[in-house]
Amino acid sequence: MKVREIAEKLELTVYSGHSGLDNEVIGGYVSDLLSDVMGNADEGQAWITLQNHKNIMAVASLKDLAAVILVKGLKPDEATMMHSNEENLPILGTDAETFETAGALFKLLHP
C-alpha cells in the first residue's frame, strides 16, 4: 500500500516529503530508540515514533524506510522537514497515541 493511501485512510497530516507519497509500505516498525530502528527496521516499513528531531531522517533514509509517522500531536522542526523533502521520505503525523496508530496501521496492511 502506498504512503498516500495510508495517510488518507488514517487521516494523517503530511508535514513534508510529499514527493515520496507513492513509496510502497510493506509493514510498520514502532520504536523510539534510534539504535533499535537502525538495527531492526526493514526497508519499506513505516516507522511510528514520538521522536521528532532531525536524526530521525538520518535513520529513516539509512534504512530506506517508506515514511515516518509522528504520534501524540508532535511535529517535525524545519530542519527535519527540509531533510525529509531532500530524501523524498514523508513525515506524517497524528494526535493519536502510538498504540492506536500501530493498531490502525496493522489493520490497514493486514485486513
N, C-alpha and C. Protein backbone atom coordinates (compact mmCIF):
# COMPACT_ATOMS: atom_id res chain seq x y z
N MET A 1 0.84 -1.17 0.00
CA MET A 1 0.00 0.00 0.00
C MET A 1 0.89 1.24 0.00
N LYS A 2 0.49 2.24 -0.71
CA LYS A 2 1.26 3.48 -0.83
C LYS A 2 1.09 4.36 0.42
N VAL A 3 2.12 5.15 0.69
CA VAL A 3 2.07 6.09 1.83
C VAL A 3 0.85 7.00 1.68
N ARG A 4 0.58 7.44 0.48
CA ARG A 4 -0.55 8.33 0.22
C ARG A 4 -1.88 7.72 0.71
N GLU A 5 -2.07 6.44 0.40
CA GLU A 5 -3.30 5.75 0.81
C GLU A 5 -3.39 5.64 2.33
N ILE A 6 -2.28 5.33 2.96
CA ILE A 6 -2.25 5.22 4.41
C ILE A 6 -2.57 6.57 5.05
N ALA A 7 -1.97 7.63 4.52
CA ALA A 7 -2.22 8.98 5.04
C ALA A 7 -3.71 9.33 4.95
N GLU A 8 -4.31 9.00 3.82
CA GLU A 8 -5.73 9.30 3.62
C GLU A 8 -6.61 8.47 4.55
N LYS A 9 -6.38 7.17 4.59
CA LYS A 9 -7.25 6.28 5.36
C LYS A 9 -7.10 6.46 6.86
N LEU A 10 -5.91 6.82 7.32
CA LEU A 10 -5.70 7.02 8.75
C LEU A 10 -5.81 8.49 9.15
N GLU A 11 -6.15 9.34 8.15
CA GLU A 11 -6.31 10.78 8.36
C GLU A 11 -5.07 11.39 9.01
N LEU A 12 -3.91 11.08 8.41
CA LEU A 12 -2.65 11.60 8.91
C LEU A 12 -2.32 12.92 8.22
N THR A 13 -1.68 13.81 8.93
CA THR A 13 -1.19 15.06 8.36
C THR A 13 0.12 14.77 7.65
N VAL A 14 0.27 15.29 6.44
CA VAL A 14 1.53 15.17 5.72
C VAL A 14 2.31 16.46 5.95
N TYR A 15 3.40 16.36 6.70
CA TYR A 15 4.20 17.54 7.02
C TYR A 15 5.23 17.84 5.94
N SER A 16 5.80 16.82 5.36
CA SER A 16 6.88 17.03 4.39
C SER A 16 7.11 15.74 3.60
N GLY A 17 8.00 15.84 2.62
CA GLY A 17 8.32 14.67 1.81
C GLY A 17 7.22 14.27 0.86
N HIS A 18 6.47 15.23 0.39
CA HIS A 18 5.31 14.95 -0.48
C HIS A 18 5.69 14.13 -1.72
N SER A 19 6.90 14.31 -2.22
CA SER A 19 7.29 13.57 -3.42
C SER A 19 7.49 12.08 -3.14
N GLY A 20 7.47 11.68 -1.87
CA GLY A 20 7.60 10.27 -1.53
C GLY A 20 6.28 9.60 -1.16
N LEU A 21 5.17 10.28 -1.43
CA LEU A 21 3.87 9.72 -1.05
C LEU A 21 3.51 8.46 -1.83
N ASP A 22 4.21 8.19 -2.91
CA ASP A 22 3.96 6.96 -3.65
C ASP A 22 4.90 5.84 -3.23
N ASN A 23 5.69 6.06 -2.18
CA ASN A 23 6.52 4.98 -1.63
C ASN A 23 5.62 3.84 -1.18
N GLU A 24 6.06 2.64 -1.40
CA GLU A 24 5.30 1.45 -1.01
C GLU A 24 5.62 1.08 0.44
N VAL A 25 4.58 0.88 1.24
CA VAL A 25 4.73 0.48 2.64
C VAL A 25 4.47 -1.02 2.74
N ILE A 26 5.45 -1.76 3.25
CA ILE A 26 5.30 -3.21 3.38
C ILE A 26 4.99 -3.65 4.81
N GLY A 27 5.10 -2.72 5.74
CA GLY A 27 4.85 -3.04 7.14
C GLY A 27 5.14 -1.84 8.00
N GLY A 28 5.14 -2.05 9.30
CA GLY A 28 5.40 -0.96 10.22
C GLY A 28 6.43 -1.36 11.26
N TYR A 29 7.06 -0.36 11.85
CA TYR A 29 8.00 -0.58 12.94
C TYR A 29 7.76 0.49 13.98
N VAL A 30 7.70 0.08 15.24
CA VAL A 30 7.43 1.01 16.33
C VAL A 30 8.60 1.02 17.29
N SER A 31 9.21 2.17 17.45
CA SER A 31 10.31 2.32 18.41
C SER A 31 10.65 3.78 18.55
N ASP A 32 11.12 4.14 19.75
CA ASP A 32 11.59 5.50 19.98
C ASP A 32 13.11 5.53 20.17
N LEU A 33 13.74 4.37 20.06
CA LEU A 33 15.19 4.28 20.16
C LEU A 33 15.79 4.23 18.76
N LEU A 34 16.58 5.22 18.42
CA LEU A 34 17.18 5.27 17.08
C LEU A 34 18.03 4.04 16.82
N SER A 35 18.79 3.59 17.81
CA SER A 35 19.65 2.42 17.62
C SER A 35 18.83 1.16 17.37
N ASP A 36 17.67 1.06 17.97
CA ASP A 36 16.79 -0.09 17.74
C ASP A 36 16.29 -0.09 16.30
N VAL A 37 15.87 1.07 15.82
CA VAL A 37 15.39 1.18 14.43
C VAL A 37 16.53 0.86 13.47
N MET A 38 17.72 1.38 13.73
CA MET A 38 18.87 1.10 12.86
C MET A 38 19.17 -0.39 12.81
N GLY A 39 19.01 -1.07 13.91
CA GLY A 39 19.35 -2.49 13.97
C GLY A 39 18.26 -3.43 13.52
N ASN A 40 17.00 -2.97 13.54
CA ASN A 40 15.92 -3.93 13.35
C ASN A 40 14.83 -3.58 12.34
N ALA A 41 14.69 -2.33 11.97
CA ALA A 41 13.66 -1.97 11.00
C ALA A 41 14.05 -2.48 9.62
N ASP A 42 13.04 -2.76 8.81
CA ASP A 42 13.27 -3.26 7.46
C ASP A 42 12.91 -2.21 6.41
N GLU A 43 13.59 -2.28 5.30
CA GLU A 43 13.31 -1.41 4.16
C GLU A 43 11.83 -1.46 3.83
N GLY A 44 11.25 -0.30 3.55
CA GLY A 44 9.86 -0.22 3.14
C GLY A 44 8.86 -0.13 4.27
N GLN A 45 9.33 -0.16 5.50
CA GLN A 45 8.40 -0.04 6.63
C GLN A 45 8.09 1.42 6.92
N ALA A 46 6.94 1.65 7.54
CA ALA A 46 6.60 2.96 8.09
C ALA A 46 6.99 2.93 9.56
N TRP A 47 7.77 3.91 9.99
CA TRP A 47 8.27 3.97 11.35
C TRP A 47 7.37 4.87 12.18
N ILE A 48 6.80 4.33 13.23
CA ILE A 48 5.95 5.07 14.15
C ILE A 48 6.78 5.44 15.37
N THR A 49 6.83 6.74 15.68
CA THR A 49 7.68 7.21 16.77
C THR A 49 7.19 8.53 17.34
N LEU A 50 7.69 8.87 18.52
CA LEU A 50 7.46 10.20 19.05
C LEU A 50 8.71 11.07 18.94
N GLN A 51 9.77 10.52 18.40
CA GLN A 51 10.98 11.30 18.14
C GLN A 51 10.71 12.23 16.95
N ASN A 52 11.04 13.50 17.11
CA ASN A 52 10.73 14.44 16.03
C ASN A 52 11.90 15.34 15.64
N HIS A 53 13.11 14.95 15.98
CA HIS A 53 14.29 15.75 15.66
C HIS A 53 14.94 15.26 14.36
N LYS A 54 15.93 16.00 13.89
CA LYS A 54 16.49 15.72 12.56
C LYS A 54 17.16 14.36 12.45
N ASN A 55 17.58 13.76 13.54
CA ASN A 55 18.25 12.46 13.47
C ASN A 55 17.32 11.35 12.98
N ILE A 56 16.00 11.55 13.10
CA ILE A 56 15.08 10.52 12.60
C ILE A 56 15.22 10.37 11.09
N MET A 57 15.52 11.47 10.41
CA MET A 57 15.66 11.38 8.96
C MET A 57 16.92 10.65 8.56
N ALA A 58 17.98 10.82 9.33
CA ALA A 58 19.22 10.09 9.04
C ALA A 58 18.98 8.59 9.16
N VAL A 59 18.27 8.19 10.20
CA VAL A 59 17.98 6.77 10.41
C VAL A 59 17.01 6.27 9.35
N ALA A 60 15.96 7.02 9.09
CA ALA A 60 14.95 6.59 8.11
C ALA A 60 15.54 6.44 6.72
N SER A 61 16.40 7.35 6.32
CA SER A 61 16.99 7.23 4.99
C SER A 61 18.05 6.13 4.95
N LEU A 62 18.80 5.96 6.02
CA LEU A 62 19.78 4.86 6.11
C LEU A 62 19.10 3.51 5.93
N LYS A 63 17.93 3.34 6.54
CA LYS A 63 17.21 2.07 6.50
C LYS A 63 16.26 1.97 5.30
N ASP A 64 16.18 3.00 4.48
CA ASP A 64 15.27 3.02 3.33
C ASP A 64 13.82 2.80 3.74
N LEU A 65 13.41 3.47 4.79
CA LEU A 65 12.03 3.36 5.26
C LEU A 65 11.11 4.11 4.31
N ALA A 66 9.83 3.73 4.31
CA ALA A 66 8.87 4.34 3.40
C ALA A 66 8.37 5.68 3.93
N ALA A 67 8.26 5.81 5.26
CA ALA A 67 7.72 7.03 5.87
C ALA A 67 7.98 7.00 7.37
N VAL A 68 7.86 8.17 7.97
CA VAL A 68 7.91 8.30 9.43
C VAL A 68 6.57 8.86 9.87
N ILE A 69 5.99 8.24 10.89
CA ILE A 69 4.71 8.71 11.43
C ILE A 69 4.95 9.18 12.87
N LEU A 70 4.73 10.47 13.09
CA LEU A 70 4.86 11.04 14.43
C LEU A 70 3.51 10.96 15.14
N VAL A 71 3.54 10.62 16.41
CA VAL A 71 2.32 10.43 17.19
C VAL A 71 2.16 11.53 18.25
N LYS A 72 1.03 11.51 18.93
CA LYS A 72 0.74 12.39 20.07
C LYS A 72 0.79 13.88 19.72
N GLY A 73 0.51 14.22 18.47
CA GLY A 73 0.48 15.61 18.05
C GLY A 73 1.83 16.26 17.88
N LEU A 74 2.89 15.47 17.90
CA LEU A 74 4.23 16.02 17.73
C LEU A 74 4.45 16.41 16.27
N LYS A 75 5.24 17.46 16.07
CA LYS A 75 5.51 17.97 14.72
C LYS A 75 7.01 18.05 14.51
N PRO A 76 7.46 17.85 13.28
CA PRO A 76 8.89 17.97 12.99
C PRO A 76 9.32 19.44 12.93
N ASP A 77 10.59 19.69 13.23
CA ASP A 77 11.09 21.06 13.10
C ASP A 77 11.46 21.32 11.64
N GLU A 78 11.82 22.55 11.36
CA GLU A 78 12.10 22.98 9.99
C GLU A 78 13.25 22.18 9.35
N ALA A 79 14.32 21.96 10.08
CA ALA A 79 15.48 21.22 9.54
C ALA A 79 15.10 19.78 9.20
N THR A 80 14.28 19.19 10.03
CA THR A 80 13.84 17.81 9.80
C THR A 80 12.97 17.74 8.55
N MET A 81 12.08 18.70 8.39
CA MET A 81 11.23 18.72 7.20
C MET A 81 12.05 18.96 5.93
N MET A 82 13.07 19.80 6.01
CA MET A 82 13.92 20.03 4.84
C MET A 82 14.62 18.74 4.44
N HIS A 83 15.13 18.01 5.42
CA HIS A 83 15.80 16.74 5.13
C HIS A 83 14.81 15.74 4.54
N SER A 84 13.60 15.72 5.07
CA SER A 84 12.54 14.85 4.56
C SER A 84 12.26 15.14 3.08
N ASN A 85 12.20 16.40 2.74
CA ASN A 85 11.96 16.79 1.34
C ASN A 85 13.12 16.39 0.44
N GLU A 86 14.34 16.55 0.93
CA GLU A 86 15.52 16.16 0.16
C GLU A 86 15.58 14.66 -0.09
N GLU A 87 15.14 13.88 0.88
CA GLU A 87 15.20 12.42 0.80
C GLU A 87 13.95 11.80 0.16
N ASN A 88 12.95 12.62 -0.15
CA ASN A 88 11.67 12.10 -0.67
C ASN A 88 11.07 11.07 0.28
N LEU A 89 11.17 11.36 1.56
CA LEU A 89 10.73 10.44 2.60
C LEU A 89 9.71 11.19 3.48
N PRO A 90 8.43 10.86 3.34
CA PRO A 90 7.39 11.61 4.03
C PRO A 90 7.45 11.50 5.56
N ILE A 91 7.15 12.63 6.19
CA ILE A 91 6.89 12.66 7.62
C ILE A 91 5.41 12.97 7.77
N LEU A 92 4.72 12.06 8.43
CA LEU A 92 3.29 12.17 8.66
C LEU A 92 3.05 12.36 10.15
N GLY A 93 1.86 12.79 10.51
CA GLY A 93 1.58 12.97 11.93
C GLY A 93 0.14 12.71 12.29
N THR A 94 -0.06 12.41 13.58
CA THR A 94 -1.38 12.17 14.13
C THR A 94 -1.40 12.61 15.59
N ASP A 95 -2.58 12.91 16.08
CA ASP A 95 -2.75 13.22 17.50
C ASP A 95 -2.92 11.94 18.31
N ALA A 96 -3.12 10.82 17.64
CA ALA A 96 -3.36 9.54 18.32
C ALA A 96 -2.12 9.05 19.06
N GLU A 97 -2.34 8.16 19.99
CA GLU A 97 -1.26 7.52 20.74
C GLU A 97 -0.57 6.49 19.83
N THR A 98 0.62 6.08 20.23
CA THR A 98 1.40 5.10 19.48
C THR A 98 0.63 3.79 19.32
N PHE A 99 0.04 3.30 20.40
CA PHE A 99 -0.69 2.04 20.39
C PHE A 99 -1.82 2.06 19.36
N GLU A 100 -2.60 3.14 19.37
CA GLU A 100 -3.71 3.27 18.43
C GLU A 100 -3.21 3.33 16.99
N THR A 101 -2.16 4.08 16.77
CA THR A 101 -1.61 4.26 15.43
C THR A 101 -1.07 2.94 14.88
N ALA A 102 -0.34 2.22 15.71
CA ALA A 102 0.21 0.93 15.29
C ALA A 102 -0.91 -0.05 14.96
N GLY A 103 -1.93 -0.08 15.79
CA GLY A 103 -3.06 -0.98 15.55
C GLY A 103 -3.79 -0.64 14.26
N ALA A 104 -4.01 0.63 14.04
CA ALA A 104 -4.71 1.08 12.83
C ALA A 104 -3.89 0.74 11.58
N LEU A 105 -2.58 0.96 11.64
CA LEU A 105 -1.71 0.64 10.50
C LEU A 105 -1.72 -0.88 10.25
N PHE A 106 -1.63 -1.64 11.30
CA PHE A 106 -1.63 -3.12 11.15
C PHE A 106 -2.94 -3.57 10.49
N LYS A 107 -4.07 -3.06 10.95
CA LYS A 107 -5.37 -3.44 10.36
C LYS A 107 -5.45 -3.07 8.89
N LEU A 108 -4.89 -1.93 8.56
CA LEU A 108 -4.92 -1.46 7.18
C LEU A 108 -4.06 -2.35 6.27
N LEU A 109 -2.91 -2.77 6.77
CA LEU A 109 -2.00 -3.59 5.96
C LEU A 109 -2.34 -5.07 5.98
N HIS A 110 -3.12 -5.50 6.96
CA HIS A 110 -3.48 -6.92 7.11
C HIS A 110 -4.99 -7.03 7.35
N PRO A 111 -5.79 -6.73 6.32
CA PRO A 111 -7.25 -6.75 6.50
C PRO A 111 -7.81 -8.14 6.80
